[in-house]
């Protein structure tokens, strides 16, 4: 009896969670009729079938198939595995390569013809579904209905129709939130900056659109994409649809938004939803256009070394670039909820971090030798363990092959009913396939060794890190190597103005703590810029903190 794995998936847009149980039940019924033994069940809940990389259940299924854990994949239909033409062809190709067949309740055993025809049909289905969805939304906009989510200042209205269904797209003004919208427009029109408006609202405890603090970006938005409070034309009684479209990145499977030309936008007047008068609206737009510039719309295209790693030592929030060269607390600038005035020039911070890393890493020569020694010992242990495992598998394979031969001899010599040993023979063959797959993986395991002069090689590579950052060909790899050592960097006020404290916490502790003894001892030294470098030894392999 062939071992089988069931795969079930439902999409949050089209089905509900009970669909998983229904699919599994149907596949188990199919297994009983096809003489399959279900050994595993893989599921993806509320995940679209448009891209394999975003489905952990499907990825686990593929890994288990490569490991030889089953011979058949069962699914309700081929589109449960994927609706994407490229993905379904890839799944079929990879499963066929490891000897795993696909059976579905609706199509039976899948072959190349199914892949070609059904893959094309599923792709056309997705395209047709998108067009129907868009057509329905256009109809709603023309009828004065809201096709998307709820904007701040309004509440959703539900009414029961005569046929028992519930209306959608209806909105009415929420007077409490509408008063905040009017306040924002009036304050901006009178000269207040979005950051000051956000800070005042946060200080008064007024919750933002998502139930959290207000951000300046929530108020200011983007003139190009027409988002944000100050750009929302619904406040002057106008629904604007088709401002942007989405396309799926084939590399990541994620949707990426693209702005549409303004000539393709669809507008519908809804006077009953007006909150802001035309005069205030025009005054606000005039002020926004005065501050808009080509330079202001350009984004940083070259990723900085420490982006996303820097935190404010006072509030714990992220620090972001101001004026393209200086890190500052975003909570202070965008929300007004932090009182830390500390900032640091990006180039100076990068220099301190890189200098500190070199000082710390190059100061651990004994540790590198100890690491190399421990690494070689572990390699020796693994080789011995792998050798023992290989010998054990070969002994069992020999035993299984003898059993298969005895079963075949029993059938050929006619000593009894062949049906009585058929199930035993199938089990032995399945076990043989699994053992051969395990041995193949062991044989394919590439031998690993460590460089005989690893300490000198390590020192040279660390010394070259900063130079590699200026080499366009090696920059990305060098950045990933450095960022991989860092968990976060905290910047807080120092003892003297203009010299903030920089504290680095990172994964390099897993190397530094490996051979440091005693564990409670702190090693200190002086850095080039007059600051202190402090290593606080953690426990085992926990992150370690350094003051740079």
Protein backbone atom coordinates (compact mmCIF):
# COMPACT_ATOMS: atom_id res chain seq x y z
CA UNK A 1 0.00 0.00 0.00
CA UNK A 2 1.51 3.33 -1.09
CA UNK A 3 2.07 6.00 1.51
CA UNK A 4 0.18 9.22 0.76
CA UNK A 5 0.23 12.82 1.98
CA UNK A 6 -2.86 15.05 1.85
CA UNK A 7 -2.58 18.73 0.95
CA UNK A 8 -5.47 21.13 1.66
CA UNK A 9 -5.70 24.90 1.34
CA UNK A 10 -8.34 27.58 1.53
CA UNK A 11 -8.18 31.22 0.49
CA UNK A 12 -9.43 33.90 2.89
CA UNK A 13 -11.20 35.64 0.01
CA UNK A 14 -13.16 32.64 -1.22
CA UNK A 15 -13.66 30.06 1.52
CA UNK A 16 -13.74 29.52 5.27
CA UNK A 17 -11.76 27.38 7.66
CA UNK A 18 -14.25 24.49 7.54
CA UNK A 19 -13.13 23.96 3.93
CA UNK A 20 -9.87 22.42 5.20
CA UNK A 21 -11.74 19.66 7.04
CA UNK A 22 -13.96 19.04 4.02
CA UNK A 23 -10.95 18.71 1.69
CA UNK A 24 -9.12 16.35 4.07
CA UNK A 25 -12.26 14.21 4.48
CA UNK A 26 -12.68 13.97 0.69
CA UNK A 27 -9.02 13.02 0.22
CA UNK A 28 -9.20 10.32 2.91
CA UNK A 29 -12.19 8.84 1.11
CA UNK A 30 -10.17 8.90 -2.13
CA UNK A 31 -7.26 7.19 -0.32
CA UNK A 32 -9.51 4.37 0.86
CA UNK A 33 -10.69 3.71 -2.71
CA UNK A 34 -7.18 3.92 -4.18
CA UNK A 35 -5.52 1.70 -1.57
CA UNK A 36 -3.38 4.53 -0.23
CA UNK A 37 -2.24 4.83 3.36
CA UNK A 38 -2.38 8.46 4.56
CA UNK A 39 0.75 9.20 6.60
CA UNK A 40 0.79 13.02 6.67
CA UNK A 41 -1.53 16.01 6.20
CA UNK A 42 -0.26 19.44 5.09
CA UNK A 43 -2.44 22.55 5.19
CA UNK A 44 -2.30 26.27 4.39
CA UNK A 45 -4.96 28.37 6.07
CA UNK A 46 -6.27 31.60 4.52
CA UNK A 47 -3.46 31.80 1.95
CA UNK A 48 -3.92 32.52 -1.74
CA UNK A 49 -2.79 29.86 -4.21
CA UNK A 50 -1.07 32.42 -6.41
CA UNK A 51 2.53 31.83 -5.24
CA UNK A 52 4.22 28.78 -3.73
CA UNK A 53 6.89 30.72 -1.78
CA UNK A 54 4.27 32.23 0.55
CA UNK A 55 2.74 28.89 1.61
CA UNK A 56 4.61 27.14 4.44
CA UNK A 57 2.41 24.04 4.24
CA UNK A 58 3.20 23.50 0.56
CA UNK A 59 6.90 24.09 1.16
CA UNK A 60 6.88 21.47 3.96
CA UNK A 61 5.11 19.08 1.62
CA UNK A 62 7.85 19.50 -0.99
CA UNK A 63 10.60 18.95 1.60
CA UNK A 64 8.99 15.78 2.93
CA UNK A 65 8.60 14.51 -0.63
CA UNK A 66 12.32 15.01 -1.22
CA UNK A 67 12.99 13.09 2.00
CA UNK A 68 11.06 10.09 0.65
CA UNK A 69 8.33 10.15 3.32
CA UNK A 70 5.49 9.27 0.89
CA UNK A 71 4.88 8.22 -2.71
CA UNK A 72 1.59 10.03 -3.48
CA UNK A 73 0.16 13.51 -2.91
CA UNK A 74 -3.63 13.70 -2.57
CA UNK A 75 -5.59 16.94 -3.04
CA UNK A 76 -9.19 17.90 -3.72
CA UNK A 77 -8.22 19.41 -7.09
CA UNK A 78 -5.14 20.64 -8.88
CA UNK A 79 -5.86 24.29 -8.08
CA UNK A 80 -5.53 23.51 -4.36
CA UNK A 81 -1.81 22.90 -4.99
CA UNK A 82 -1.47 26.12 -6.99
CA UNK A 83 -3.28 28.36 -9.47
CA UNK A 84 -0.02 29.76 -10.81
CA UNK A 85 1.13 28.19 -14.09
CA UNK A 86 4.81 28.41 -13.22
CA UNK A 87 4.34 27.00 -9.72
CA UNK A 88 2.13 24.06 -10.68
CA UNK A 89 4.56 23.02 -13.41
CA UNK A 90 7.44 23.31 -10.93
CA UNK A 91 5.60 21.27 -8.28
CA UNK A 92 4.79 18.51 -10.79
CA UNK A 93 8.36 18.45 -12.12
CA UNK A 94 9.95 18.23 -8.66
CA UNK A 95 7.53 15.64 -7.32
CA UNK A 96 7.99 13.50 -10.45
CA UNK A 97 11.76 13.72 -10.03
CA UNK A 98 11.58 12.09 -6.58
CA UNK A 99 9.02 9.51 -7.70
CA UNK A 100 5.95 11.09 -6.08
CA UNK A 101 2.66 11.05 -8.02
CA UNK A 102 -0.23 13.53 -7.69
CA UNK A 103 -3.83 12.28 -7.38
CA UNK A 104 -6.85 14.57 -7.02
CA UNK A 105 -10.47 13.78 -6.24
CA UNK A 106 -11.71 15.65 -9.33
CA UNK A 107 -9.06 14.83 -11.96
CA UNK A 108 -7.65 11.48 -10.82
CA UNK A 109 -3.94 10.84 -11.43
CA UNK A 110 -2.25 13.98 -12.77
CA UNK A 111 -0.07 13.88 -15.89
CA UNK A 112 1.60 16.43 -18.17
CA UNK A 113 -1.67 17.08 -20.04
CA UNK A 114 -3.43 18.09 -16.82
CA UNK A 115 -0.57 20.42 -15.94
CA UNK A 116 -0.74 22.20 -19.29
CA UNK A 117 -4.52 22.50 -19.55
CA UNK A 118 -5.46 23.02 -15.90
CA UNK A 119 -2.56 25.39 -15.32
CA UNK A 120 -3.78 27.57 -18.18
CA UNK A 121 -7.39 27.37 -16.98
CA UNK A 122 -6.44 28.32 -13.42
CA UNK A 123 -4.40 31.29 -14.63
CA UNK A 124 -7.35 32.45 -16.76
CA UNK A 125 -9.64 31.99 -13.76
CA UNK A 126 -7.50 34.34 -11.66
CA UNK A 127 -7.46 36.93 -14.44
CA UNK A 128 -11.23 36.64 -14.96
CA UNK A 129 -11.85 36.89 -11.21
CA UNK A 130 -9.78 40.08 -11.02
CA UNK A 131 -11.71 41.61 -13.93
CA UNK A 132 -15.08 40.70 -12.41
CA UNK A 133 -14.03 42.13 -9.05
CA UNK A 134 -12.93 45.36 -10.70
CA UNK A 135 -16.14 45.57 -12.73
CA UNK A 136 -18.19 45.12 -9.56
CA UNK A 137 -16.24 47.82 -7.76
CA UNK A 138 -16.71 50.28 -10.63
CA UNK A 139 -20.44 49.65 -10.46
CA UNK A 140 -20.44 50.38 -6.74
CA UNK A 141 -18.53 53.62 -7.21
CA UNK A 142 -20.93 54.80 -9.92
CA UNK A 143 -23.80 54.08 -7.52
CA UNK A 144 -22.13 56.21 -4.85
CA UNK A 145 -20.91 53.30 -2.74
CA UNK A 146 -17.45 52.94 -1.14
CA UNK A 147 -15.56 50.00 -2.73
CA UNK A 148 -12.83 49.76 -0.09
CA UNK A 149 -12.30 50.07 3.66
CA UNK A 150 -13.50 52.65 6.14
CA UNK A 151 -11.94 56.12 6.11
CA UNK A 152 -11.43 58.01 9.35
CA UNK A 153 -14.42 60.25 9.98
CA UNK A 154 -17.05 57.75 8.82
CA UNK A 155 -18.82 54.65 10.09
CA UNK A 156 -20.05 51.65 8.12
CA UNK A 157 -23.81 51.35 7.67
CA UNK A 158 -25.48 47.94 7.28
CA UNK A 159 -29.11 47.53 6.22
CA UNK A 160 -31.15 44.41 5.63
CA UNK A 161 -32.52 44.08 2.11
CA UNK A 162 -35.89 42.50 1.30
CA UNK A 163 -34.16 39.33 0.06
CA UNK A 164 -32.39 38.87 3.38
CA UNK A 165 -28.94 40.04 2.23
CA UNK A 166 -27.04 42.92 3.85
CA UNK A 167 -26.01 46.13 2.07
CA UNK A 168 -22.32 46.95 1.64
CA UNK A 169 -20.44 50.12 0.73
CA UNK A 170 -22.76 52.43 2.70
CA UNK A 171 -21.15 55.09 4.94
CA UNK A 172 -22.30 57.88 7.20
CA UNK A 173 -20.39 60.64 8.96
CA UNK A 174 -19.08 59.91 12.46
CA UNK A 175 -19.41 63.33 14.07
CA UNK A 176 -16.78 62.68 16.76
CA UNK A 177 -14.13 61.71 14.22
CA UNK A 178 -15.33 64.33 11.73
CA UNK A 179 -14.59 67.02 14.34
CA UNK A 180 -10.99 65.76 14.50
CA UNK A 181 -10.76 65.86 10.69
CA UNK A 182 -11.98 69.49 10.65
CA UNK A 183 -9.51 70.35 13.41
CA UNK A 184 -6.62 68.86 11.40
CA UNK A 185 -7.53 70.80 8.25
CA UNK A 186 -8.01 74.05 10.16
CA UNK A 187 -4.73 73.69 12.04
CA UNK A 188 -2.79 72.91 8.85
CA UNK A 189 -4.43 75.79 6.99
CA UNK A 190 -3.39 78.12 9.82
CA UNK A 191 0.27 77.12 9.45
CA UNK A 192 0.74 74.21 11.88
CA UNK A 193 3.01 71.39 10.67
CA UNK A 194 1.65 67.80 10.57
CA UNK A 195 4.18 66.78 13.25
CA UNK A 196 2.86 69.46 15.61
CA UNK A 197 -0.74 68.46 14.91
CA UNK A 198 0.06 64.77 15.54
CA UNK A 199 1.93 65.61 18.77
CA UNK A 200 -1.02 67.68 20.08
CA UNK A 201 -3.51 64.91 19.31
CA UNK A 202 -1.30 62.29 20.98
CA UNK A 203 -0.77 64.46 24.06
CA UNK A 204 -4.55 64.76 24.39
CA UNK A 205 -4.99 61.00 24.07
CA UNK A 206 -6.92 61.15 20.78
CA UNK A 207 -6.62 57.78 19.04
CA UNK A 208 -5.58 57.62 15.39
CA UNK A 209 -7.38 55.85 12.53
CA UNK A 210 -5.98 52.44 13.54
CA UNK A 211 -6.57 52.89 17.25
CA UNK A 212 -2.96 53.87 18.03
CA UNK A 213 -0.95 57.10 18.12
CA UNK A 214 -1.11 59.63 15.32
CA UNK A 215 1.84 59.94 12.92
CA UNK A 216 2.71 62.98 10.83
CA UNK A 217 2.65 60.73 7.76
CA UNK A 218 -0.93 59.70 8.56
CA UNK A 219 -1.93 63.33 8.35
CA UNK A 220 0.33 64.50 5.52
CA UNK A 221 0.21 61.40 3.32
CA UNK A 222 1.52 61.35 -0.25
CA UNK A 223 0.37 63.81 -2.89
CA UNK A 224 1.29 61.33 -5.62
CA UNK A 225 -0.79 58.48 -4.20
CA UNK A 226 -3.41 60.83 -2.69
CA UNK A 227 -3.45 59.09 0.66
CA UNK A 228 -3.38 60.60 4.15
CA UNK A 229 -5.97 62.79 5.87
CA UNK A 230 -5.10 65.98 3.99
CA UNK A 231 -5.37 64.34 0.55
CA UNK A 232 -8.60 62.39 1.01
CA UNK A 233 -11.16 63.83 -1.40
CA UNK A 234 -13.95 61.94 0.33
CA UNK A 235 -13.89 64.77 2.89
CA UNK A 236 -15.20 67.12 0.17
CA UNK A 237 -17.85 64.60 -0.91
CA UNK A 238 -16.06 62.88 -3.78
CA UNK A 239 -15.27 59.17 -4.15
CA UNK A 240 -12.05 58.63 -6.11
CA UNK A 241 -11.46 55.13 -7.52
CA UNK A 242 -8.67 53.50 -9.56
CA UNK A 243 -5.85 55.69 -8.25
CA UNK A 244 -3.55 52.68 -8.26
CA UNK A 245 -3.32 49.09 -9.41
CA UNK A 246 -1.54 46.07 -7.98
CA UNK A 247 0.70 43.54 -9.68
CA UNK A 248 2.25 40.45 -8.15
CA UNK A 249 6.03 40.34 -8.01
CA UNK A 250 6.99 36.97 -9.60
CA UNK A 251 10.06 36.70 -7.33
CA UNK A 252 8.30 37.20 -3.97
CA UNK A 253 4.63 36.59 -4.77
CA UNK A 254 3.75 39.84 -2.95
CA UNK A 255 1.47 42.49 -4.41
CA UNK A 256 3.16 45.76 -5.37
CA UNK A 257 1.13 48.95 -5.83
CA UNK A 258 1.60 51.17 -8.89
CA UNK A 259 -0.04 54.60 -9.36
CA UNK A 260 -2.41 55.00 -12.33
CA UNK A 261 -2.49 58.14 -14.51
CA UNK A 262 -5.02 60.66 -13.18
CA UNK A 263 -6.89 60.42 -16.50
CA UNK A 264 -7.90 56.86 -15.54
CA UNK A 265 -9.33 57.82 -12.15
CA UNK A 266 -13.08 57.50 -11.61
CA UNK A 267 -14.86 60.15 -9.54
CA UNK A 268 -18.39 60.16 -8.11
CA UNK A 269 -19.93 63.00 -6.11
CA UNK A 270 -21.42 62.06 -2.71
CA UNK A 271 -22.50 65.38 -1.09
CA UNK A 272 -23.94 63.61 1.97
CA UNK A 273 -20.41 62.55 2.99
CA UNK A 274 -18.83 66.02 2.82
CA UNK A 275 -16.94 67.08 5.99
CA UNK A 276 -14.63 69.90 4.73
CA UNK A 277 -15.77 73.00 2.83
CA UNK A 278 -14.19 73.90 -0.52
CA UNK A 279 -12.45 77.01 0.78
CA UNK A 280 -10.56 75.15 3.52
CA UNK A 281 -9.73 72.32 1.12
CA UNK A 282 -8.27 74.67 -1.49
CA UNK A 283 -6.23 76.54 1.11
CA UNK A 284 -4.76 73.26 2.41
CA UNK A 285 -3.92 72.02 -1.09
CA UNK A 286 -2.25 75.33 -1.94
CA UNK A 287 0.00 75.03 1.13
CA UNK A 288 0.85 71.41 0.30
CA UNK A 289 1.76 72.27 -3.29
CA UNK A 290 4.04 75.04 -2.03
CA UNK A 291 6.12 72.51 -0.08
CA UNK A 292 6.08 69.82 -2.77
CA UNK A 293 9.20 69.54 -4.92
CA UNK A 294 10.90 67.04 -7.15
CA UNK A 295 13.70 66.63 -4.61
CA UNK A 296 11.19 66.02 -1.85
CA UNK A 297 9.59 63.19 -3.77
CA UNK A 298 12.83 61.32 -4.41
CA UNK A 299 13.54 58.39 -2.14
CA UNK A 300 16.80 57.01 -0.85
CA UNK A 301 17.72 54.37 -3.44
CA UNK A 302 20.91 53.05 -1.84
CA UNK A 303 20.24 51.12 1.33
CA UNK A 304 22.27 52.31 4.30
CA UNK A 305 24.37 49.89 6.27
CA UNK A 306 22.42 50.17 9.53
CA UNK A 307 18.88 50.89 8.28
CA UNK A 308 16.22 49.37 10.52
CA UNK A 309 18.67 48.45 13.30
CA UNK A 310 18.91 51.79 15.13
CA UNK A 311 16.64 52.39 18.13
CA UNK A 312 16.09 55.36 20.41
CA UNK A 313 17.56 54.68 23.83
CA UNK A 314 14.81 56.71 25.51
CA UNK A 315 11.59 55.28 24.02
CA UNK A 316 12.78 52.19 22.13
CA UNK A 317 11.29 53.44 18.86
CA UNK A 318 13.07 53.42 15.51
CA UNK A 319 15.48 56.15 14.49
CA UNK A 320 15.23 57.24 10.86
CA UNK A 321 17.20 59.48 8.53
CA UNK A 322 16.54 63.24 8.61
CA UNK A 323 17.82 65.46 5.79
CA UNK A 324 19.54 62.45 4.21
CA UNK A 325 22.43 62.40 6.68
CA UNK A 326 21.32 62.29 10.33
CA UNK A 327 19.47 59.70 12.41
CA UNK A 328 16.74 61.02 14.72
CA UNK A 329 13.96 59.43 16.80
CA UNK A 330 10.91 58.96 14.57
CA UNK A 331 8.53 58.91 17.56
CA UNK A 332 9.73 62.41 18.51
CA UNK A 333 9.49 63.73 14.94
CA UNK A 334 6.33 61.95 13.75
CA UNK A 335 4.27 61.59 16.92
CA UNK A 336 5.71 63.93 19.52
CA UNK A 337 5.60 61.10 22.08
CA UNK A 338 9.35 61.04 22.85
CA UNK A 339 11.36 63.84 24.44
CA UNK A 340 14.85 62.63 23.43
CA UNK A 341 16.64 65.33 21.40
CA UNK A 342 19.55 63.04 20.53
CA UNK A 343 20.58 62.59 16.91
CA UNK A 344 23.72 61.31 15.22
CA UNK A 345 25.21 61.74 11.76
CA UNK A 346 24.83 58.51 9.77
CA UNK A 347 28.44 58.41 8.58
CA UNK A 348 29.74 58.99 12.13
CA UNK A 349 27.53 56.22 13.52
CA UNK A 350 28.62 53.78 10.82
CA UNK A 351 32.27 54.60 11.50
CA UNK A 352 31.84 54.03 15.24
CA UNK A 353 30.01 50.74 14.72
CA UNK A 354 32.52 49.40 12.19
CA UNK A 355 35.45 50.53 14.31
CA UNK A 356 33.92 48.94 17.38
CA UNK A 357 33.24 45.69 15.57
CA UNK A 358 36.82 45.49 14.30
CA UNK A 359 38.18 46.22 17.76
CA UNK A 360 35.96 43.61 19.38
CA UNK A 361 36.37 40.91 16.76
CA UNK A 362 40.11 41.33 16.26
CA UNK A 363 40.65 41.26 20.02
CA UNK A 364 39.49 37.67 20.29
CA UNK A 365 42.43 35.73 18.79
CA UNK A 366 42.34 33.05 21.46
CA UNK A 367 38.61 32.68 20.91
CA UNK A 368 39.03 32.05 17.17
CA UNK A 369 41.59 29.32 17.86
CA UNK A 370 39.24 27.81 20.44
CA UNK A 371 36.36 28.00 17.98
CA UNK A 372 38.43 26.26 15.27
CA UNK A 373 39.39 23.53 17.74
CA UNK A 374 35.78 22.97 18.79
CA UNK A 375 34.61 23.05 15.17
CA UNK A 376 37.10 20.35 14.16
CA UNK A 377 36.02 18.20 17.12
CA UNK A 378 32.38 18.54 16.10
CA UNK A 379 33.23 17.62 12.48
CA UNK A 380 34.98 14.49 13.72
CA UNK A 381 31.95 13.55 15.83
CA UNK A 382 29.55 14.13 12.92
CA UNK A 383 31.67 12.07 10.52
CA UNK A 384 31.74 9.19 12.99
CA UNK A 385 28.00 9.47 13.62
CA UNK A 386 27.28 9.62 9.89
CA UNK A 387 29.47 6.57 9.30
CA UNK A 388 27.63 4.62 12.00
CA UNK A 389 24.26 5.70 10.57
CA UNK A 390 25.29 4.67 7.03
CA UNK A 391 26.41 1.23 8.23
CA UNK A 392 23.12 0.80 10.12
CA UNK A 393 21.07 1.74 7.05
CA UNK A 394 23.02 -0.63 4.79
CA UNK A 395 22.52 -3.50 7.24
CA UNK A 396 18.78 -2.83 7.34
CA UNK A 397 18.63 -2.49 3.54
CA UNK A 398 20.34 -5.89 3.16
CA UNK A 399 17.81 -7.39 5.57
CA UNK A 400 14.86 -5.84 3.66
CA UNK A 401 16.21 -7.07 0.31
CA UNK A 402 16.47 -10.61 1.73
CA UNK A 403 12.86 -10.35 2.85
CA UNK A 404 11.76 -9.21 -0.61
CA UNK A 405 13.64 -12.15 -2.17
CA UNK A 406 11.94 -14.62 0.19
CA UNK A 407 8.51 -13.21 -0.69
CA UNK A 408 9.25 -13.47 -4.42
CA UNK A 409 10.56 -17.04 -4.03
CA UNK A 410 7.41 -17.94 -2.12
CA UNK A 411 5.23 -16.61 -4.96
CA UNK A 412 7.32 -18.10 -7.81
CA UNK A 413 7.61 -21.56 -6.24
CA UNK A 414 3.85 -21.65 -5.67
CA UNK A 415 4.03 -22.72 -2.04
CA UNK A 416 0.89 -20.83 -1.13
CA UNK A 417 -1.57 -18.05 -1.94
CA UNK A 418 0.33 -15.02 -3.43
CA UNK A 419 -2.31 -12.68 -2.00
CA UNK A 420 -1.24 -13.56 1.53
CA UNK A 421 2.21 -12.03 1.04
CA UNK A 422 1.33 -9.17 -1.32
CA UNK A 423 0.81 -6.63 1.48
CA UNK A 424 4.09 -7.67 3.15
CA UNK A 425 5.88 -7.29 -0.17
CA UNK A 426 4.44 -3.80 -0.70
CA UNK A 427 5.57 -2.72 2.80
CA UNK A 428 9.06 -4.12 2.19
CA UNK A 429 9.34 -2.28 -1.12
CA UNK A 430 8.22 0.97 0.51
CA UNK A 431 10.81 0.49 3.25
CA UNK A 432 13.50 -0.22 0.64
CA UNK A 433 12.67 3.03 -1.18
CA UNK A 434 12.91 4.98 2.08
CA UNK A 435 16.26 3.39 3.03
CA UNK A 436 17.70 4.08 -0.42
CA UNK A 437 16.60 7.71 -0.19
CA UNK A 438 18.27 8.04 3.25
CA UNK A 439 21.50 6.54 1.93
CA UNK A 440 21.39 8.84 -1.09
CA UNK A 441 21.17 11.87 1.18
CA UNK A 442 24.13 10.66 3.22
CA UNK A 443 26.18 10.05 0.06
CA UNK A 444 25.30 13.52 -1.23
CA UNK A 445 26.45 15.16 1.99
CA UNK A 446 29.44 17.26 0.99
CA UNK A 447 32.44 16.89 3.31
CA UNK A 448 33.13 20.11 5.23
CA UNK A 449 36.41 21.17 6.72
CA UNK A 450 37.86 24.29 8.25
CA UNK A 451 40.71 26.32 6.80
CA UNK A 452 44.03 25.30 8.45
CA UNK A 453 44.95 28.96 9.03
CA UNK A 454 41.46 30.12 9.98
CA UNK A 455 42.61 32.69 12.58
CA UNK A 456 44.73 34.65 10.09
CA UNK A 457 42.04 34.37 7.41
CA UNK A 458 39.44 35.63 9.91
CA UNK A 459 41.59 38.64 10.88
CA UNK A 460 42.14 39.58 7.26
CA UNK A 461 38.44 39.37 6.39
CA UNK A 462 37.41 41.49 9.39
CA UNK A 463 40.01 44.12 8.50
CA UNK A 464 38.65 44.27 4.94
CA UNK A 465 34.98 44.77 5.90
CA UNK A 466 34.91 48.55 5.65
CA UNK A 467 36.76 48.54 2.34
CA UNK A 468 34.28 46.05 0.88
CA UNK A 469 31.43 48.50 1.54
CA UNK A 470 32.85 50.88 -1.05
CA UNK A 471 33.10 48.10 -3.65
CA UNK A 472 29.79 47.96 -5.55
CA UNK A 473 30.31 44.31 -6.47
CA UNK A 474 30.88 43.20 -2.87
CA UNK A 475 28.80 45.81 -1.01
CA UNK A 476 25.59 43.77 -0.62
CA UNK A 477 27.43 40.68 0.61
CA UNK A 478 29.52 42.75 3.04
CA UNK A 479 26.43 44.55 4.34
CA UNK A 480 24.63 41.26 5.00
CA UNK A 481 27.69 39.91 6.83
CA UNK A 482 27.87 42.97 9.08
CA UNK A 483 24.11 43.23 9.66
CA UNK A 484 24.07 39.54 10.55
CA UNK A 485 26.23 40.35 13.59
CA UNK A 486 23.89 43.07 14.86
CA UNK A 487 20.51 42.70 16.58
CA UNK A 488 19.97 46.39 17.40
CA UNK A 489 21.83 49.63 18.07
CA UNK A 490 20.59 52.02 20.78
CA UNK A 491 21.49 55.72 20.71
CA UNK A 492 20.98 57.73 23.91
CA UNK A 493 22.29 60.99 25.45
CA UNK A 494 25.95 60.94 26.41
CA UNK A 495 27.81 62.72 29.18
CA UNK A 496 28.69 65.61 26.88
CA UNK A 497 26.56 67.32 24.26
CA UNK A 498 27.16 66.08 20.72
CA UNK A 499 28.66 62.75 21.86
CA UNK A 500 25.75 60.32 22.33
CA UNK A 501 26.18 56.85 23.78
CA UNK A 502 25.94 54.03 21.22
CA UNK A 503 25.15 50.58 22.54
CA UNK A 504 25.27 47.59 20.21
CA UNK A 505 23.55 44.29 20.94
CA UNK A 506 24.21 41.49 18.52
CA UNK A 507 24.56 37.89 17.49
CA UNK A 508 28.33 38.12 17.60
CA UNK A 509 27.79 37.19 21.25
CA UNK A 510 27.28 33.63 20.04
CA UNK A 511 30.94 33.66 18.98
CA UNK A 512 32.31 35.84 21.75
CA UNK A 513 30.64 33.91 24.55
CA UNK A 514 31.72 30.56 23.10
CA UNK A 515 35.00 30.44 24.97
CA UNK A 516 34.90 33.46 27.31
CA UNK A 517 35.60 32.62 30.94
CA UNK A 518 34.66 33.50 33.53
CA UNK A 519 31.16 34.32 32.23
CA UNK A 520 30.58 37.17 34.65
CA UNK A 521 33.73 39.12 33.83
CA UNK A 522 33.45 42.35 31.84
CA UNK A 523 36.34 43.34 29.59
CA UNK A 524 36.82 47.02 28.88
CA UNK A 525 39.06 49.09 26.65
CA UNK A 526 39.35 52.49 25.04
CA UNK A 527 38.07 53.33 21.55
CA UNK A 528 39.65 55.79 19.14
CA UNK A 529 37.04 58.52 19.64
CA UNK A 530 37.45 58.74 23.39
CA UNK A 531 34.44 56.58 24.19
CA UNK A 532 34.46 53.23 25.96
CA UNK A 533 33.99 49.76 24.54
CA UNK A 534 32.25 47.51 27.03
CA UNK A 535 31.60 43.81 26.63
CA UNK A 536 29.04 42.31 28.99
CA UNK A 537 29.30 38.55 28.83
CA UNK A 538 25.94 36.86 28.50
CA UNK A 539 24.86 33.36 29.44
CA UNK A 540 25.59 30.66 26.89
CA UNK A 541 24.78 32.07 23.47
CA UNK A 542 22.51 34.97 24.43
CA UNK A 543 23.05 38.35 22.71
CA UNK A 544 25.86 40.47 24.10
CA UNK A 545 25.86 44.25 24.50
CA UNK A 546 28.71 46.60 23.57
CA UNK A 547 29.10 50.31 24.18
CA UNK A 548 30.89 51.90 21.24
